[in-house]
């Protein structure tokens, strides 16, 4: 999951999810993302993180993996 990757990068820089103030999420399928979104919000909430968010649906991603 992308949030796992983000958390690892933050940890290596001596930060945590609670330090996030803004997130932009790009997806090719909003409906699919919405089904997992609740878990993301819960995880951020547990980290005392409530960043401003932008969600964008795009036709494709430059690096799909």
C-alpha atoms as a PDB file:
ATOM      1  CA  UNK A   1       0.000   0.000   0.000  1.00  0.00           C
ATOM      2  CA  UNK A   2       1.215   3.498  -0.798  1.00  0.00           C
ATOM      3  CA  UNK A   3       0.649   4.599   2.794  1.00  0.00           C
ATOM      4  CA  UNK A   4       3.140   1.963   3.969  1.00  0.00           C
ATOM      5  CA  UNK A   5       5.714   3.366   1.542  1.00  0.00           C
ATOM      6  CA  UNK A   6       5.018   6.916   2.665  1.00  0.00           C
ATOM      7  CA  UNK A   7       5.343   5.953   6.310  1.00  0.00           C
ATOM      8  CA  UNK A   8       8.706   4.273   5.646  1.00  0.00           C
ATOM      9  CA  UNK A   9      10.072   7.335   3.826  1.00  0.00           C
ATOM     10  CA  UNK A  10       8.878   9.590   6.638  1.00  0.00           C
ATOM     11  CA  UNK A  11      10.430   7.326   9.275  1.00  0.00           C
ATOM     12  CA  UNK A  12      13.818   7.400   7.512  1.00  0.00           C
ATOM     13  CA  UNK A  13      13.667  11.211   7.617  1.00  0.00           C
ATOM     14  CA  UNK A  14      12.731  11.185  11.330  1.00  0.00           C
ATOM     15  CA  UNK A  15       9.112  12.128  10.638  1.00  0.00           C
ATOM     16  CA  UNK A  16       5.829  10.277  11.019  1.00  0.00           C
ATOM     17  CA  UNK A  17       2.325  10.330   9.588  1.00  0.00           C
ATOM     18  CA  UNK A  18       1.391  12.951  12.180  1.00  0.00           C
ATOM     19  CA  UNK A  19       3.727  15.401  10.399  1.00  0.00           C
ATOM     20  CA  UNK A  20       1.730  15.326   7.157  1.00  0.00           C
ATOM     21  CA  UNK A  21      -0.206  18.537   6.500  1.00  0.00           C
ATOM     22  CA  UNK A  22      -1.316  17.958   2.891  1.00  0.00           C
ATOM     23  CA  UNK A  23      -1.930  14.904   0.706  1.00  0.00           C
ATOM     24  CA  UNK A  24      -2.729  14.641  -2.998  1.00  0.00           C
ATOM     25  CA  UNK A  25      -4.031  11.279  -4.154  1.00  0.00           C
ATOM     26  CA  UNK A  26      -4.040  10.310  -7.829  1.00  0.00           C
ATOM     27  CA  UNK A  27      -6.071   7.298  -8.918  1.00  0.00           C
ATOM     28  CA  UNK A  28      -7.312   5.756 -12.127  1.00  0.00           C
ATOM     29  CA  UNK A  29     -10.426   4.388 -10.404  1.00  0.00           C
ATOM     30  CA  UNK A  30     -12.122   6.531  -7.749  1.00  0.00           C
ATOM     31  CA  UNK A  31     -14.702   3.835  -6.993  1.00  0.00           C
ATOM     32  CA  UNK A  32     -11.969   1.336  -6.185  1.00  0.00           C
ATOM     33  CA  UNK A  33     -10.138   3.887  -4.040  1.00  0.00           C
ATOM     34  CA  UNK A  34     -13.269   4.808  -2.096  1.00  0.00           C
ATOM     35  CA  UNK A  35     -13.593   1.203  -0.914  1.00  0.00           C
ATOM     36  CA  UNK A  36     -10.133   1.427   0.706  1.00  0.00           C
ATOM     37  CA  UNK A  37     -10.376   5.078   1.733  1.00  0.00           C
ATOM     38  CA  UNK A  38     -12.005   4.372   5.106  1.00  0.00           C
ATOM     39  CA  UNK A  39      -9.007   2.257   6.168  1.00  0.00           C
ATOM     40  CA  UNK A  40      -6.676   5.094   5.140  1.00  0.00           C
ATOM     41  CA  UNK A  41      -8.634   7.675   7.134  1.00  0.00           C
ATOM     42  CA  UNK A  42      -8.688   5.397  10.193  1.00  0.00           C
ATOM     43  CA  UNK A  43      -4.936   4.855   9.948  1.00  0.00           C
ATOM     44  CA  UNK A  44      -4.260   8.580   9.623  1.00  0.00           C
ATOM     45  CA  UNK A  45      -6.615   9.279  12.511  1.00  0.00           C
ATOM     46  CA  UNK A  46      -4.745   6.838  14.759  1.00  0.00           C
ATOM     47  CA  UNK A  47      -1.565   8.764  13.911  1.00  0.00           C
ATOM     48  CA  UNK A  48      -3.322  12.028  14.907  1.00  0.00           C
ATOM     49  CA  UNK A  49      -3.094  13.161  11.297  1.00  0.00           C
ATOM     50  CA  UNK A  50      -5.836  15.084   9.491  1.00  0.00           C
ATOM     51  CA  UNK A  51      -4.199  16.648   6.443  1.00  0.00           C
ATOM     52  CA  UNK A  52      -5.898  18.700   3.781  1.00  0.00           C
ATOM     53  CA  UNK A  53      -6.516  16.288   0.896  1.00  0.00           C
ATOM     54  CA  UNK A  54      -7.085  16.434  -2.826  1.00  0.00           C
ATOM     55  CA  UNK A  55      -8.307  13.396  -4.753  1.00  0.00           C
ATOM     56  CA  UNK A  56      -7.864  13.341  -8.524  1.00  0.00           C
ATOM     57  CA  UNK A  57      -9.017  10.689 -10.964  1.00  0.00           C
ATOM     58  CA  UNK A  58      -6.812  10.470 -14.052  1.00  0.00           C
ATOM     59  CA  UNK A  59      -6.927   8.387 -17.227  1.00  0.00           C
ATOM     60  CA  UNK A  60      -3.621   6.697 -16.464  1.00  0.00           C
ATOM     61  CA  UNK A  61      -0.564   7.002 -14.267  1.00  0.00           C
ATOM     62  CA  UNK A  62       2.927   7.437 -15.740  1.00  0.00           C
ATOM     63  CA  UNK A  63       4.304   4.553 -13.645  1.00  0.00           C
ATOM     64  CA  UNK A  64       1.343   2.248 -12.939  1.00  0.00           C
ATOM     65  CA  UNK A  65       3.214  -0.106 -10.622  1.00  0.00           C
END
